[in-house]
Protein backbone atom coordinates (compact mmCIF):
# COMPACT_ATOMS: atom_id res chain seq x y z
CA MET A 1 33.32 21.77 44.31
CA SER A 2 31.07 18.78 44.79
CA THR A 3 28.72 17.39 42.20
CA SER A 4 25.63 18.46 44.16
CA THR A 5 26.99 22.01 44.35
CA GLN A 6 27.53 22.10 40.61
CA GLN A 7 23.96 20.92 40.01
CA SER A 8 22.46 23.49 42.39
CA SER A 9 24.41 26.33 40.81
CA THR A 10 23.41 25.48 37.26
CA GLY A 11 19.90 24.32 37.90
CA SER A 12 18.66 20.81 37.14
CA ALA A 13 21.39 19.06 35.24
CA ALA A 14 20.37 17.09 32.15
CA PRO A 15 21.14 13.40 32.46
CA ILE A 16 23.99 12.16 30.32
CA ALA A 17 23.05 9.05 28.35
CA ALA A 18 25.54 6.25 28.40
CA PRO A 19 26.91 5.47 24.96
CA GLN A 20 25.37 2.37 23.41
CA PRO A 21 27.70 -0.22 21.96
CA GLY A 22 27.90 0.28 18.23
CA GLY A 23 25.32 3.08 18.40
CA HIS A 24 27.61 5.61 16.74
CA ARG A 25 28.08 3.39 13.70
CA LYS A 26 25.50 3.10 10.95
CA LEU A 27 25.29 1.34 7.61
CA PRO A 28 25.14 3.67 4.59
CA SER A 29 21.80 3.89 2.84
CA TRP A 30 23.07 2.01 -0.19
CA ALA A 31 24.27 -1.00 1.83
CA PRO A 32 20.99 -3.04 1.70
CA TRP A 33 20.71 -2.41 -2.03
CA ALA A 34 24.28 -3.49 -2.50
CA ALA A 35 23.63 -6.66 -0.48
CA PHE A 36 20.68 -7.61 -2.64
CA ALA A 37 22.58 -6.74 -5.83
CA VAL A 38 25.44 -9.03 -4.82
CA ALA A 39 22.87 -11.68 -3.87
CA ALA A 40 21.26 -11.36 -7.31
CA VAL A 41 24.64 -11.85 -9.03
CA VAL A 42 25.41 -14.91 -6.90
CA ALA A 43 21.92 -16.34 -7.51
CA ALA A 44 22.26 -15.77 -11.26
CA VAL A 45 25.65 -17.51 -11.38
CA PHE A 46 24.31 -20.41 -9.33
CA SER A 47 21.18 -20.71 -11.49
CA LEU A 48 23.15 -20.64 -14.73
CA ALA A 49 25.55 -23.24 -13.38
CA THR A 50 22.67 -25.62 -12.62
CA SER A 51 19.46 -24.96 -14.54
CA TRP A 52 17.85 -21.52 -15.01
CA ASN A 53 14.66 -21.10 -13.05
CA ILE A 54 13.20 -17.68 -12.40
CA VAL A 55 11.42 -18.85 -9.24
CA LEU A 56 14.61 -20.24 -7.70
CA PHE A 57 16.51 -17.13 -8.78
CA VAL A 58 14.06 -14.89 -6.90
CA ILE A 59 14.15 -17.12 -3.81
CA TYR A 60 17.96 -17.26 -3.77
CA THR A 61 18.21 -13.48 -4.20
CA VAL A 62 15.76 -12.77 -1.37
CA VAL A 63 17.36 -15.25 1.05
CA LEU A 64 20.97 -14.27 0.35
CA GLY A 65 20.20 -10.54 0.31
CA THR A 66 18.34 -10.72 3.61
CA LEU A 67 21.12 -12.72 5.26
CA GLY A 68 23.78 -10.35 3.91
CA THR A 69 21.93 -7.29 5.18
CA TYR A 70 21.39 -8.87 8.60
CA VAL A 71 25.03 -9.94 9.03
CA ALA A 72 26.39 -6.56 7.91
CA SER A 73 24.00 -4.69 10.20
CA ARG A 74 24.81 -6.92 13.17
CA VAL A 75 28.53 -6.37 12.74
CA VAL A 76 28.30 -2.60 12.23
CA GLU A 77 25.15 -1.48 14.07
CA GLY A 78 24.55 -4.12 16.71
CA PRO A 79 21.93 -6.84 17.27
CA ARG A 80 18.95 -4.55 17.89
CA LYS A 81 19.23 -2.63 14.64
CA ALA A 82 20.10 -5.86 12.81
CA THR A 83 16.85 -7.46 14.00
CA ASP A 84 14.91 -4.41 12.83
CA ARG A 85 16.52 -4.61 9.40
CA LEU A 86 15.84 -8.35 9.24
CA VAL A 87 12.13 -7.91 9.87
CA THR A 88 12.00 -5.03 7.37
CA CYS A 89 13.67 -7.17 4.72
CA LEU A 90 11.26 -10.04 5.38
CA VAL A 91 8.20 -7.79 5.07
CA VAL A 92 9.42 -6.07 1.90
CA SER A 93 10.51 -9.40 0.39
CA ALA A 94 7.13 -10.97 1.10
CA PHE A 95 5.45 -8.01 -0.57
CA GLY A 96 7.73 -8.30 -3.60
CA ILE A 97 7.18 -12.05 -3.92
CA ALA A 98 3.41 -11.52 -3.73
CA LEU A 99 3.65 -9.03 -6.60
CA VAL A 100 5.52 -11.45 -8.88
CA PRO A 101 2.55 -13.71 -9.79
CA LEU A 102 0.20 -10.71 -9.99
CA ILE A 103 2.42 -8.79 -12.40
CA SER A 104 3.14 -11.96 -14.38
CA LEU A 105 -0.58 -12.73 -14.67
CA VAL A 106 -1.49 -9.23 -15.82
CA TYR A 107 1.39 -9.13 -18.31
CA GLU A 108 0.57 -12.52 -19.80
CA VAL A 109 -3.16 -11.84 -20.12
CA VAL A 110 -2.61 -8.42 -21.68
CA ARG A 111 0.06 -9.75 -24.08
CA ARG A 112 -2.04 -12.66 -25.29
CA GLY A 113 -5.46 -11.04 -25.03
CA ALA A 114 -4.54 -7.96 -27.06
CA GLN A 115 -4.27 -10.09 -30.21
CA ARG A 116 -8.08 -10.20 -30.65
CA PHE A 117 -9.03 -7.02 -28.84
CA ASP A 118 -10.67 -5.55 -31.94
CA ALA A 119 -14.05 -4.30 -33.11
CA GLU A 120 -15.11 -7.68 -34.49
CA TYR A 121 -14.62 -9.31 -31.10
CA PHE A 122 -17.21 -6.96 -29.55
CA THR A 123 -19.75 -7.05 -32.39
CA ALA A 124 -19.79 -10.66 -33.65
CA SER A 125 -20.79 -14.00 -32.20
CA LEU A 126 -19.56 -17.48 -33.13
CA VAL A 127 -22.49 -18.45 -35.34
CA GLY A 128 -21.06 -20.04 -38.48
CA VAL A 129 -17.46 -19.33 -37.43
CA ILE A 130 -14.94 -22.10 -37.99
CA GLY A 131 -11.33 -21.19 -37.30
CA GLU A 132 -10.39 -17.54 -37.69
CA GLY A 133 -12.70 -14.64 -36.85
CA GLY A 134 -15.73 -14.48 -34.63
CA GLY A 135 -16.13 -12.67 -31.36
CA ALA A 136 -17.65 -12.73 -27.91
CA TYR A 137 -20.56 -10.33 -28.26
CA HIS A 138 -23.06 -13.02 -27.25
CA ALA A 139 -20.95 -13.97 -24.21
CA LEU A 140 -20.52 -10.35 -23.13
CA MET A 141 -24.25 -9.69 -23.36
CA GLY A 142 -25.00 -12.89 -21.47
CA THR A 143 -22.60 -11.93 -18.69
CA LEU A 144 -24.15 -8.48 -18.34
CA ILE A 145 -27.72 -9.82 -18.32
CA ILE A 146 -27.04 -12.59 -15.79
CA THR A 147 -25.03 -10.25 -13.57
CA LEU A 148 -27.87 -7.69 -13.66
CA LEU A 149 -30.40 -10.36 -12.68
CA THR A 150 -28.11 -11.57 -9.91
CA THR A 151 -27.84 -8.02 -8.57
CA LEU A 152 -31.61 -7.54 -8.68
CA ILE A 153 -32.09 -10.74 -6.69
CA SER A 154 -29.23 -10.41 -4.22
CA VAL A 155 -29.15 -6.74 -3.27
CA PRO A 156 -32.71 -6.42 -1.83
CA ILE A 157 -32.42 -9.72 0.06
CA GLY A 158 -28.91 -9.03 1.35
CA LEU A 159 -29.58 -5.41 2.28
CA MET A 160 -32.80 -6.14 4.14
CA THR A 161 -31.18 -9.04 5.96
CA ALA A 162 -28.34 -6.75 7.05
CA ILE A 163 -30.85 -4.13 8.23
CA TYR A 164 -32.69 -6.76 10.25
CA LEU A 165 -29.48 -8.02 11.88
CA VAL A 166 -28.36 -4.51 12.84
CA GLU A 167 -31.62 -2.75 13.66
CA TYR A 168 -34.13 -5.41 14.68
CA GLY A 169 -32.49 -8.78 15.30
CA SER A 170 -31.66 -10.11 18.74
CA GLY A 171 -31.29 -13.37 20.57
CA ARG A 172 -31.14 -16.83 19.09
CA LEU A 173 -32.66 -15.92 15.71
CA LYS A 174 -30.00 -13.29 15.05
CA ARG A 175 -27.22 -15.69 15.99
CA SER A 176 -28.69 -18.38 13.76
CA ILE A 177 -28.93 -16.05 10.76
CA THR A 178 -25.38 -14.82 11.31
CA PHE A 179 -24.14 -18.41 11.50
CA LEU A 180 -25.95 -19.40 8.29
CA VAL A 181 -24.58 -16.34 6.47
CA ASP A 182 -21.06 -17.23 7.54
CA VAL A 183 -21.55 -20.80 6.32
CA MET A 184 -22.91 -19.60 2.98
CA THR A 185 -19.91 -17.33 2.54
CA GLY A 186 -17.60 -20.34 2.50
CA ILE A 187 -19.54 -22.79 0.34
CA PRO A 188 -17.85 -23.83 -2.94
CA SER A 189 -19.28 -22.24 -6.05
CA ILE A 190 -19.98 -25.63 -7.63
CA VAL A 191 -22.38 -26.38 -4.76
CA ALA A 192 -24.36 -23.24 -5.59
CA GLY A 193 -24.58 -24.38 -9.21
CA LEU A 194 -25.77 -27.84 -8.20
CA PHE A 195 -28.39 -26.30 -5.91
CA ALA A 196 -29.81 -24.09 -8.66
CA TYR A 197 -29.76 -26.93 -11.17
CA ALA A 198 -31.54 -29.31 -8.78
CA LEU A 199 -34.14 -26.65 -7.98
CA PHE A 200 -35.03 -26.01 -11.62
CA VAL A 201 -34.92 -29.71 -12.52
CA LEU A 202 -37.61 -30.33 -9.93
CA ILE A 203 -39.78 -27.69 -11.61
CA PHE A 204 -39.04 -28.07 -15.35
CA GLY A 205 -37.50 -31.53 -15.64
CA PRO A 206 -33.98 -32.74 -16.47
CA GLY A 207 -31.80 -31.14 -19.13
CA ILE A 208 -33.05 -27.60 -18.50
CA ARG A 209 -30.60 -24.74 -19.14
CA LEU A 210 -31.66 -21.13 -18.55
CA GLY A 211 -30.00 -17.82 -17.87
CA ILE A 212 -32.14 -17.28 -14.79
CA MET A 213 -30.70 -20.50 -13.37
CA GLY A 214 -27.25 -18.95 -13.50
CA ALA A 215 -28.56 -15.81 -11.81
CA VAL A 216 -30.04 -17.88 -8.98
CA ALA A 217 -26.79 -19.81 -8.56
CA LEU A 218 -24.74 -16.64 -8.45
CA SER A 219 -27.21 -15.11 -6.00
CA VAL A 220 -26.47 -17.91 -3.55
CA LEU A 221 -22.83 -16.77 -3.65
CA MET A 222 -23.52 -13.03 -3.67
CA ILE A 223 -26.17 -12.72 -0.94
CA PRO A 224 -23.87 -13.59 2.01
CA VAL A 225 -21.22 -11.17 0.73
CA VAL A 226 -23.80 -8.38 0.51
CA VAL A 227 -25.12 -9.22 3.98
CA ARG A 228 -21.71 -9.17 5.67
CA SER A 229 -20.49 -6.00 3.95
CA CYS A 230 -23.73 -4.06 4.49
CA GLU A 231 -23.98 -5.24 8.10
CA GLU A 232 -20.53 -3.92 8.94
CA VAL A 233 -21.26 -0.60 7.26
CA LEU A 234 -24.57 -0.15 9.07
CA LYS A 235 -22.86 -0.82 12.39
CA LEU A 236 -20.61 2.18 11.75
CA VAL A 237 -23.54 4.61 11.76
CA PRO A 238 -23.43 6.43 15.13
CA ASN A 239 -26.26 5.56 17.51
CA GLU A 240 -26.59 9.25 18.34
CA LEU A 241 -28.18 9.82 14.92
CA ARG A 242 -30.81 7.17 15.58
CA GLU A 243 -31.51 8.49 19.07
CA ALA A 244 -31.89 12.05 17.78
CA ALA A 245 -34.46 10.88 15.25
CA TYR A 246 -36.33 8.87 17.89
CA ALA A 247 -36.35 11.93 20.17
CA LEU A 248 -38.12 13.88 17.43
CA GLY A 249 -40.81 11.23 17.24
CA VAL A 250 -39.66 9.67 13.97
CA PRO A 251 -40.70 6.00 13.71
CA LYS A 252 -38.00 3.37 13.43
CA TRP A 253 -38.63 2.40 9.82
CA ARG A 254 -38.47 6.03 8.75
CA THR A 255 -35.30 6.57 10.77
CA ILE A 256 -33.68 3.68 8.93
CA LEU A 257 -34.89 4.95 5.57
CA LYS A 258 -34.10 8.64 6.04
CA VAL A 259 -31.15 8.64 8.46
CA VAL A 260 -29.29 5.34 8.64
CA ILE A 261 -29.21 4.38 4.96
CA PRO A 262 -28.30 7.87 3.63
CA THR A 263 -25.48 8.06 6.17
CA ALA A 264 -24.11 4.67 5.12
CA ILE A 265 -24.85 4.98 1.40
CA ALA A 266 -21.19 5.22 0.39
CA GLY A 267 -20.20 2.08 2.25
CA LEU A 268 -23.29 0.22 1.07
CA GLY A 269 -22.59 1.08 -2.54
CA THR A 270 -18.97 0.05 -2.21
CA GLY A 271 -19.83 -3.28 -0.60
CA ILE A 272 -22.49 -4.10 -3.19
CA THR A 273 -20.18 -3.21 -6.07
CA LEU A 274 -17.40 -5.40 -4.68
CA ALA A 275 -19.91 -8.23 -4.24
CA ILE A 276 -20.83 -7.92 -7.93
CA ALA A 277 -17.13 -8.07 -8.82
CA ARG A 278 -16.88 -11.21 -6.70
CA VAL A 279 -19.41 -13.18 -8.79
CA VAL A 280 -18.95 -11.74 -12.28
CA GLY A 281 -16.09 -14.12 -13.05
CA GLU A 282 -17.57 -17.32 -11.59
CA THR A 283 -17.40 -20.27 -13.98
CA ALA A 284 -18.44 -23.50 -12.24
CA PRO A 285 -22.08 -22.54 -11.44
CA LEU A 286 -22.62 -21.25 -14.98
CA LEU A 287 -21.17 -24.40 -16.53
CA ILE A 288 -23.91 -26.41 -14.82
CA THR A 289 -26.87 -24.06 -15.06
CA VAL A 290 -26.46 -21.94 -18.21
CA GLY A 291 -24.24 -23.98 -20.52
CA ILE A 292 -22.90 -22.46 -23.73
CA THR A 293 -24.21 -21.40 -27.12
CA ASN A 294 -22.71 -19.76 -30.18
CA ALA A 295 -25.73 -17.54 -30.79
CA THR A 296 -26.84 -14.38 -29.05
CA ASN A 297 -29.69 -14.87 -26.59
CA PHE A 298 -31.12 -11.88 -24.73
CA ASN A 299 -33.90 -13.83 -22.98
CA PRO A 300 -32.70 -15.39 -19.70
CA PHE A 301 -35.95 -17.37 -19.45
CA ASP A 302 -35.60 -19.18 -22.77
CA GLY A 303 -32.72 -21.50 -23.55
CA ARG A 304 -28.98 -21.43 -23.05
CA MET A 305 -26.90 -18.27 -22.79
CA ALA A 306 -23.21 -17.69 -23.28
CA THR A 307 -21.12 -16.00 -20.59
CA LEU A 308 -17.52 -14.84 -20.70
CA PRO A 309 -16.11 -17.31 -18.14
CA VAL A 310 -17.78 -20.32 -19.79
CA TYR A 311 -16.92 -18.95 -23.24
CA ALA A 312 -13.23 -18.77 -22.29
CA PHE A 313 -13.40 -22.26 -20.77
CA TYR A 314 -14.81 -23.90 -23.89
CA GLN A 315 -12.56 -21.95 -26.25
CA LEU A 316 -9.55 -23.22 -24.32
CA THR A 317 -10.65 -26.83 -23.74
CA GLN A 318 -12.39 -27.40 -27.08
CA PRO A 319 -10.49 -25.15 -29.50
CA GLY A 320 -11.04 -27.14 -32.68
CA VAL A 321 -8.57 -27.24 -35.57
CA PRO A 322 -6.42 -25.19 -35.77
CA PRO A 323 -6.52 -24.37 -32.05
CA GLU A 324 -4.67 -21.03 -32.19
CA ASN A 325 -7.71 -18.95 -33.12
CA ALA A 326 -9.92 -20.29 -30.31
CA ILE A 327 -7.13 -19.97 -27.75
CA ALA A 328 -6.62 -16.33 -28.78
CA ARG A 329 -10.35 -15.72 -28.24
CA ALA A 330 -10.11 -17.33 -24.80
CA TRP A 331 -7.24 -15.05 -23.76
CA THR A 332 -9.16 -11.99 -24.93
CA ALA A 333 -12.19 -13.11 -22.90
CA ALA A 334 -9.93 -13.41 -19.84
CA LEU A 335 -8.62 -9.89 -20.49
CA LEU A 336 -12.17 -8.60 -20.79
CA LEU A 337 -13.11 -10.20 -17.47
CA ILE A 338 -10.14 -8.55 -15.76
CA ILE A 339 -11.18 -5.19 -17.23
CA LEU A 340 -14.75 -5.68 -15.95
CA VAL A 341 -13.57 -6.54 -12.44
CA MET A 342 -11.15 -3.61 -12.44
CA ALA A 343 -13.90 -1.26 -13.62
CA LEU A 344 -16.19 -2.44 -10.82
CA ASN A 345 -13.46 -1.81 -8.26
CA VAL A 346 -12.92 1.69 -9.67
CA VAL A 347 -16.67 2.33 -9.43
CA ALA A 348 -16.62 1.17 -5.81
CA ARG A 349 -13.83 3.62 -5.01
CA LEU A 350 -15.66 6.47 -6.74
CA ILE A 351 -18.84 5.69 -4.81
CA SER A 352 -16.92 5.68 -1.56
CA ARG A 353 -15.29 9.00 -2.44
CA PHE A 354 -18.19 11.03 -3.78
CA PHE A 355 -21.12 9.70 -1.75
CA ALA A 356 -19.49 9.62 1.66
CA PRO A 357 -21.17 12.00 4.11
CA LYS A 358 -19.41 15.34 4.35
CA THR A 359 -18.28 16.09 7.89
CA GLY A 360 -16.56 19.41 7.26
CA ARG A 361 -18.19 22.79 7.77
């Protein structure tokens, strides 16, 4: 019987795939792990034979393990699967290498900063303290006050600028504002500090140091971040919502206030919170504009104020004798800054989760 007769009697015959070379062979799941384990042993032996270096050990392990996995896969599974495994190893290795400095930083700051993470550190200043003891209460309060002032300055300006760019702006003026915002996003923080210092020197004379100066300097850094984040969030609001409000006779300003902003409130809150986290740890502008003091000052319009970044800088660079106590205070200030930034990121996630518009029935 011919082939065509067989196909007609059994219906449409399913095509038979030609066997791929090496397609029936596959590396066991433990093979890549074994390759990297052998690579780690070889890298350790090589490092001990020369001079131990954790960075070189990690690099040797990643390179040798990736090459071993690729060669084994090419021999057993073929070139196509070997290339896939190679790219997978490169991506995972890059991720692992990126985690090394992050984990090392967090471990070192927590290990050293926990030494002075006590009640005295949060309730005492450095007035009259020489050597052991003292705290960072004055620096913590200064950071919170200056950050609050920065937020009060930056959020209205940044939010209204974003609303103008999305809802009203057009033509050359919109392009110019967008260009200036992009330029401001990339300016060095020391330039913002010099700008604020020069501005207040013109008004009050040389040698002036005020908390409000630091807030103005940080606002120069925070405003473009708020503008860009809020602009992108406002663009995500569907135009159908605006058109529905216009069809009901609602004026544009009321549509923005009652429809657009409530719809985008979660994204706006998240962007603003992340912008605050961006500037809370800035040091260079505050070194120039605010300075440092050992006493607690709650008035940002009268005299110097201490902030956590500047406090940590001076405790590390001018520790006194013996230096161990001041260095321990600096590490604890760094730990406190990390906790503040982490708390702000958690707040941003909570805002995004609980204030997002509900689309379900």
